[in-house]
């Protein structure tokens, strides 16, 4: 297969983008907690935004908060994970937030990633992990990054060694009698 040349393809890509996360607070009928929280979206922000949480919408028992000043970075060693994310039926942004001690407090996001491999480690801890739909601007940016940096390698099975034959070779160590 020959090389693919993409015309008008800008290969100087930013390594990171500033993003904001929209969190939703909703009243519950649960006897143990008054509110439930979930991430409902990611918005591309401007560089240099300060990290802050502000209320942007309220209607009855539903309130939305904007968490600003988060960075989303792309790394060459994560390209395979980005590729599989983008090729999945529902590509997403993964958001990691601290689990608060009080269940009625909002988990505040501190990491946004396009790599499921990266956030999978957080699933094993006490962190909250949310998945939301990836915005078109981030999809195009990640797609260009993958096209620039990712080279798929064919997976091969390793050949199994025959340990029985290897143990009976002339170079084997003889055991001493007890």
C-alpha atoms as a PDB file:
ATOM      1  CA  UNK A   1       0.000   0.000   0.000  1.00  0.00           C
ATOM      2  CA  UNK A   2       1.404   3.406  -0.929  1.00  0.00           C
ATOM      3  CA  UNK A   3       1.771   6.523   1.192  1.00  0.00           C
ATOM      4  CA  UNK A   4      -1.255   8.756   1.603  1.00  0.00           C
ATOM      5  CA  UNK A   5      -0.749  12.463   1.022  1.00  0.00           C
ATOM      6  CA  UNK A   6      -3.382  14.820   2.405  1.00  0.00           C
ATOM      7  CA  UNK A   7      -3.608  18.144   0.604  1.00  0.00           C
ATOM      8  CA  UNK A   8      -4.295  21.320   2.603  1.00  0.00           C
ATOM      9  CA  UNK A   9      -3.698  19.455   5.854  1.00  0.00           C
ATOM     10  CA  UNK A  10      -2.366  21.685   8.623  1.00  0.00           C
ATOM     11  CA  UNK A  11       0.093  19.519  10.530  1.00  0.00           C
ATOM     12  CA  UNK A  12       1.000  22.100  13.172  1.00  0.00           C
ATOM     13  CA  UNK A  13      -1.507  21.172  15.858  1.00  0.00           C
ATOM     14  CA  UNK A  14      -1.853  22.489  19.378  1.00  0.00           C
ATOM     15  CA  UNK A  15      -0.815  19.986  22.040  1.00  0.00           C
ATOM     16  CA  UNK A  16      -3.607  21.107  24.350  1.00  0.00           C
ATOM     17  CA  UNK A  17      -6.857  23.020  24.477  1.00  0.00           C
ATOM     18  CA  UNK A  18      -8.649  24.709  27.333  1.00  0.00           C
ATOM     19  CA  UNK A  19     -12.089  23.236  27.958  1.00  0.00           C
ATOM     20  CA  UNK A  20     -14.990  23.715  30.340  1.00  0.00           C
ATOM     21  CA  UNK A  21     -17.328  21.052  31.685  1.00  0.00           C
ATOM     22  CA  UNK A  22     -21.075  21.502  32.186  1.00  0.00           C
ATOM     23  CA  UNK A  23     -22.310  19.685  35.293  1.00  0.00           C
ATOM     24  CA  UNK A  24     -25.973  19.109  36.127  1.00  0.00           C
ATOM     25  CA  UNK A  25     -27.397  19.098  39.662  1.00  0.00           C
ATOM     26  CA  UNK A  26     -30.813  17.461  40.013  1.00  0.00           C
ATOM     27  CA  UNK A  27     -32.987  16.911  43.088  1.00  0.00           C
ATOM     28  CA  UNK A  28     -33.649  13.235  43.875  1.00  0.00           C
ATOM     29  CA  UNK A  29     -36.293  11.234  45.711  1.00  0.00           C
ATOM     30  CA  UNK A  30     -33.553   9.193  47.404  1.00  0.00           C
ATOM     31  CA  UNK A  31     -33.751   9.007  51.198  1.00  0.00           C
ATOM     32  CA  UNK A  32     -29.954   9.145  51.543  1.00  0.00           C
ATOM     33  CA  UNK A  33     -29.037  12.011  49.205  1.00  0.00           C
ATOM     34  CA  UNK A  34     -30.815  15.201  48.185  1.00  0.00           C
ATOM     35  CA  UNK A  35     -29.076  15.774  44.817  1.00  0.00           C
ATOM     36  CA  UNK A  36     -27.513  13.783  42.016  1.00  0.00           C
ATOM     37  CA  UNK A  37     -24.792  15.142  39.732  1.00  0.00           C
ATOM     38  CA  UNK A  38     -23.681  14.249  36.236  1.00  0.00           C
ATOM     39  CA  UNK A  39     -21.579  15.769  33.479  1.00  0.00           C
ATOM     40  CA  UNK A  40     -23.684  16.757  30.479  1.00  0.00           C
ATOM     41  CA  UNK A  41     -21.158  18.329  28.131  1.00  0.00           C
ATOM     42  CA  UNK A  42     -17.743  19.742  27.303  1.00  0.00           C
ATOM     43  CA  UNK A  43     -17.228  23.177  25.740  1.00  0.00           C
ATOM     44  CA  UNK A  44     -13.988  24.385  24.155  1.00  0.00           C
ATOM     45  CA  UNK A  45     -12.825  27.469  26.023  1.00  0.00           C
ATOM     46  CA  UNK A  46     -10.176  30.103  25.624  1.00  0.00           C
ATOM     47  CA  UNK A  47      -6.589  29.639  26.752  1.00  0.00           C
ATOM     48  CA  UNK A  48      -5.723  31.163  30.078  1.00  0.00           C
ATOM     49  CA  UNK A  49      -9.137  30.810  31.695  1.00  0.00           C
ATOM     50  CA  UNK A  50      -9.050  30.598  35.487  1.00  0.00           C
ATOM     51  CA  UNK A  51     -10.476  27.482  37.106  1.00  0.00           C
ATOM     52  CA  UNK A  52     -13.828  28.321  38.639  1.00  0.00           C
ATOM     53  CA  UNK A  53     -17.302  26.882  39.137  1.00  0.00           C
ATOM     54  CA  UNK A  54     -20.288  29.091  38.356  1.00  0.00           C
ATOM     55  CA  UNK A  55     -24.015  28.523  38.032  1.00  0.00           C
ATOM     56  CA  UNK A  56     -25.239  29.125  34.475  1.00  0.00           C
ATOM     57  CA  UNK A  57     -28.831  27.819  34.521  1.00  0.00           C
ATOM     58  CA  UNK A  58     -31.540  27.055  37.044  1.00  0.00           C
ATOM     59  CA  UNK A  59     -35.049  25.779  36.466  1.00  0.00           C
ATOM     60  CA  UNK A  60     -36.918  24.360  39.426  1.00  0.00           C
ATOM     61  CA  UNK A  61     -34.986  21.399  40.810  1.00  0.00           C
ATOM     62  CA  UNK A  62     -32.366  21.366  38.009  1.00  0.00           C
ATOM     63  CA  UNK A  63     -29.254  23.535  38.005  1.00  0.00           C
ATOM     64  CA  UNK A  64     -26.310  23.611  35.590  1.00  0.00           C
ATOM     65  CA  UNK A  65     -22.773  24.634  36.541  1.00  0.00           C
ATOM     66  CA  UNK A  66     -19.862  25.557  34.279  1.00  0.00           C
ATOM     67  CA  UNK A  67     -16.447  24.364  35.488  1.00  0.00           C
ATOM     68  CA  UNK A  68     -13.857  26.410  33.563  1.00  0.00           C
ATOM     69  CA  UNK A  69     -10.094  26.378  33.190  1.00  0.00           C
ATOM     70  CA  UNK A  70      -9.485  22.669  32.493  1.00  0.00           C
ATOM     71  CA  UNK A  71      -6.881  21.550  29.950  1.00  0.00           C
ATOM     72  CA  UNK A  72      -7.259  18.716  27.470  1.00  0.00           C
ATOM     73  CA  UNK A  73      -3.930  17.477  26.152  1.00  0.00           C
ATOM     74  CA  UNK A  74      -3.060  15.014  23.415  1.00  0.00           C
ATOM     75  CA  UNK A  75      -0.003  12.764  23.671  1.00  0.00           C
ATOM     76  CA  UNK A  76       1.654  10.590  21.030  1.00  0.00           C
ATOM     77  CA  UNK A  77       1.768   7.495  23.238  1.00  0.00           C
ATOM     78  CA  UNK A  78      -2.036   7.647  23.638  1.00  0.00           C
ATOM     79  CA  UNK A  79      -2.787   7.835  19.879  1.00  0.00           C
ATOM     80  CA  UNK A  80      -4.045   4.267  19.665  1.00  0.00           C
ATOM     81  CA  UNK A  81      -6.602   4.952  22.406  1.00  0.00           C
ATOM     82  CA  UNK A  82      -7.689   8.188  20.662  1.00  0.00           C
ATOM     83  CA  UNK A  83      -8.052   6.266  17.399  1.00  0.00           C
ATOM     84  CA  UNK A  84     -10.282   3.606  18.961  1.00  0.00           C
ATOM     85  CA  UNK A  85     -12.343   6.296  20.707  1.00  0.00           C
ATOM     86  CA  UNK A  86     -12.897   8.202  17.459  1.00  0.00           C
ATOM     87  CA  UNK A  87     -13.801   5.018  15.569  1.00  0.00           C
ATOM     88  CA  UNK A  88     -16.290   3.844  18.214  1.00  0.00           C
ATOM     89  CA  UNK A  89     -20.043   4.172  17.598  1.00  0.00           C
ATOM     90  CA  UNK A  90     -20.239   6.953  20.241  1.00  0.00           C
ATOM     91  CA  UNK A  91     -16.930   8.851  20.505  1.00  0.00           C
ATOM     92  CA  UNK A  92     -16.675  10.662  23.806  1.00  0.00           C
ATOM     93  CA  UNK A  93     -14.855  12.931  26.195  1.00  0.00           C
ATOM     94  CA  UNK A  94     -14.052  11.383  29.544  1.00  0.00           C
ATOM     95  CA  UNK A  95     -14.258  13.566  32.643  1.00  0.00           C
ATOM     96  CA  UNK A  96     -12.665  12.688  35.985  1.00  0.00           C
ATOM     97  CA  UNK A  97     -13.875  14.396  39.169  1.00  0.00           C
ATOM     98  CA  UNK A  98     -13.044  14.090  42.861  1.00  0.00           C
ATOM     99  CA  UNK A  99     -15.661  12.171  44.805  1.00  0.00           C
ATOM    100  CA  UNK A 100     -16.677  14.516  47.632  1.00  0.00           C
ATOM    101  CA  UNK A 101     -17.001  13.327  51.223  1.00  0.00           C
ATOM    102  CA  UNK A 102     -20.552  14.683  51.389  1.00  0.00           C
ATOM    103  CA  UNK A 103     -22.747  13.057  48.718  1.00  0.00           C
ATOM    104  CA  UNK A 104     -24.806  16.249  48.387  1.00  0.00           C
ATOM    105  CA  UNK A 105     -21.738  18.215  47.227  1.00  0.00           C
ATOM    106  CA  UNK A 106     -20.888  18.462  43.540  1.00  0.00           C
ATOM    107  CA  UNK A 107     -17.940  16.364  42.314  1.00  0.00           C
ATOM    108  CA  UNK A 108     -15.614  18.971  40.756  1.00  0.00           C
ATOM    109  CA  UNK A 109     -13.944  17.828  37.507  1.00  0.00           C
ATOM    110  CA  UNK A 110     -10.174  18.129  37.311  1.00  0.00           C
ATOM    111  CA  UNK A 111      -9.289  16.063  34.221  1.00  0.00           C
ATOM    112  CA  UNK A 112     -10.742  15.813  30.721  1.00  0.00           C
ATOM    113  CA  UNK A 113      -9.328  13.224  28.318  1.00  0.00           C
ATOM    114  CA  UNK A 114     -10.102  11.561  25.011  1.00  0.00           C
ATOM    115  CA  UNK A 115      -8.237   8.408  26.077  1.00  0.00           C
ATOM    116  CA  UNK A 116     -10.259   5.731  27.815  1.00  0.00           C
ATOM    117  CA  UNK A 117      -6.990   3.991  28.669  1.00  0.00           C
ATOM    118  CA  UNK A 118      -5.921   7.034  30.686  1.00  0.00           C
ATOM    119  CA  UNK A 119      -9.143   7.399  32.683  1.00  0.00           C
ATOM    120  CA  UNK A 120      -9.583   3.664  33.216  1.00  0.00           C
ATOM    121  CA  UNK A 121      -7.120   3.811  36.124  1.00  0.00           C
ATOM    122  CA  UNK A 122      -9.339   6.394  37.801  1.00  0.00           C
ATOM    123  CA  UNK A 123     -12.309   4.007  37.595  1.00  0.00           C
ATOM    124  CA  UNK A 124     -10.471   1.698  39.994  1.00  0.00           C
ATOM    125  CA  UNK A 125     -10.083   4.461  42.602  1.00  0.00           C
ATOM    126  CA  UNK A 126     -12.557   6.720  44.365  1.00  0.00           C
ATOM    127  CA  UNK A 127     -12.854   9.159  41.475  1.00  0.00           C
ATOM    128  CA  UNK A 128     -16.061   9.809  39.549  1.00  0.00           C
ATOM    129  CA  UNK A 129     -15.716   9.243  35.779  1.00  0.00           C
ATOM    130  CA  UNK A 130     -18.262  10.609  33.316  1.00  0.00           C
ATOM    131  CA  UNK A 131     -18.508  10.140  29.568  1.00  0.00           C
ATOM    132  CA  UNK A 132     -20.116  12.799  27.370  1.00  0.00           C
ATOM    133  CA  UNK A 133     -20.418  13.299  23.640  1.00  0.00           C
ATOM    134  CA  UNK A 134     -17.318  14.794  22.061  1.00  0.00           C
ATOM    135  CA  UNK A 135     -17.821  18.271  20.550  1.00  0.00           C
ATOM    136  CA  UNK A 136     -17.182  18.541  16.793  1.00  0.00           C
ATOM    137  CA  UNK A 137     -14.232  20.911  17.282  1.00  0.00           C
ATOM    138  CA  UNK A 138     -12.456  18.443  19.605  1.00  0.00           C
ATOM    139  CA  UNK A 139     -13.280  15.524  17.309  1.00  0.00           C
ATOM    140  CA  UNK A 140     -11.667  17.265  14.337  1.00  0.00           C
ATOM    141  CA  UNK A 141      -8.637  18.271  16.403  1.00  0.00           C
ATOM    142  CA  UNK A 142      -8.129  14.719  17.725  1.00  0.00           C
ATOM    143  CA  UNK A 143      -8.689  13.256  14.261  1.00  0.00           C
ATOM    144  CA  UNK A 144      -5.986  15.503  12.783  1.00  0.00           C
ATOM    145  CA  UNK A 145      -3.660  14.594  15.664  1.00  0.00           C
ATOM    146  CA  UNK A 146      -4.207  10.868  15.092  1.00  0.00           C
ATOM    147  CA  UNK A 147      -3.666  11.241  11.328  1.00  0.00           C
ATOM    148  CA  UNK A 148      -0.410  13.081  12.018  1.00  0.00           C
ATOM    149  CA  UNK A 149       1.047  10.872  14.775  1.00  0.00           C
ATOM    150  CA  UNK A 150      -0.538   7.409  14.763  1.00  0.00           C
ATOM    151  CA  UNK A 151       0.912   4.486  12.856  1.00  0.00           C
ATOM    152  CA  UNK A 152      -1.094   1.312  13.310  1.00  0.00           C
ATOM    153  CA  UNK A 153       0.963  -1.804  13.968  1.00  0.00           C
ATOM    154  CA  UNK A 154      -0.234  -5.242  13.065  1.00  0.00           C
ATOM    155  CA  UNK A 155      -0.779  -7.370  16.140  1.00  0.00           C
ATOM    156  CA  UNK A 156       0.986 -10.713  15.983  1.00  0.00           C
ATOM    157  CA  UNK A 157       0.817 -13.685  18.262  1.00  0.00           C
ATOM    158  CA  UNK A 158       4.070 -14.640  19.858  1.00  0.00           C
ATOM    159  CA  UNK A 159       5.292 -18.116  19.068  1.00  0.00           C
ATOM    160  CA  UNK A 160       5.019 -20.466  22.019  1.00  0.00           C
ATOM    161  CA  UNK A 161       8.184 -22.272  23.116  1.00  0.00           C
ATOM    162  CA  UNK A 162       8.165 -26.020  23.520  1.00  0.00           C
ATOM    163  CA  UNK A 163       9.531 -26.286  27.072  1.00  0.00           C
ATOM    164  CA  UNK A 164       9.710 -30.098  26.983  1.00  0.00           C
ATOM    165  CA  UNK A 165      12.137 -30.132  24.063  1.00  0.00           C
ATOM    166  CA  UNK A 166      14.151 -27.277  25.519  1.00  0.00           C
ATOM    167  CA  UNK A 167      14.573 -29.111  28.863  1.00  0.00           C
ATOM    168  CA  UNK A 168      15.879 -32.302  27.221  1.00  0.00           C
ATOM    169  CA  UNK A 169      18.628 -30.541  25.277  1.00  0.00           C
ATOM    170  CA  UNK A 170      22.310 -31.300  25.935  1.00  0.00           C
ATOM    171  CA  UNK A 171      22.797 -28.027  27.761  1.00  0.00           C
ATOM    172  CA  UNK A 172      20.377 -28.844  30.589  1.00  0.00           C
ATOM    173  CA  UNK A 173      21.571 -28.856  34.186  1.00  0.00           C
ATOM    174  CA  UNK A 174      21.715 -32.258  35.887  1.00  0.00           C
ATOM    175  CA  UNK A 175      20.219 -32.530  39.346  1.00  0.00           C
ATOM    176  CA  UNK A 176      22.294 -33.938  42.249  1.00  0.00           C
ATOM    177  CA  UNK A 177      20.905 -36.968  44.046  1.00  0.00           C
ATOM    178  CA  UNK A 178      19.798 -36.362  47.628  1.00  0.00           C
END
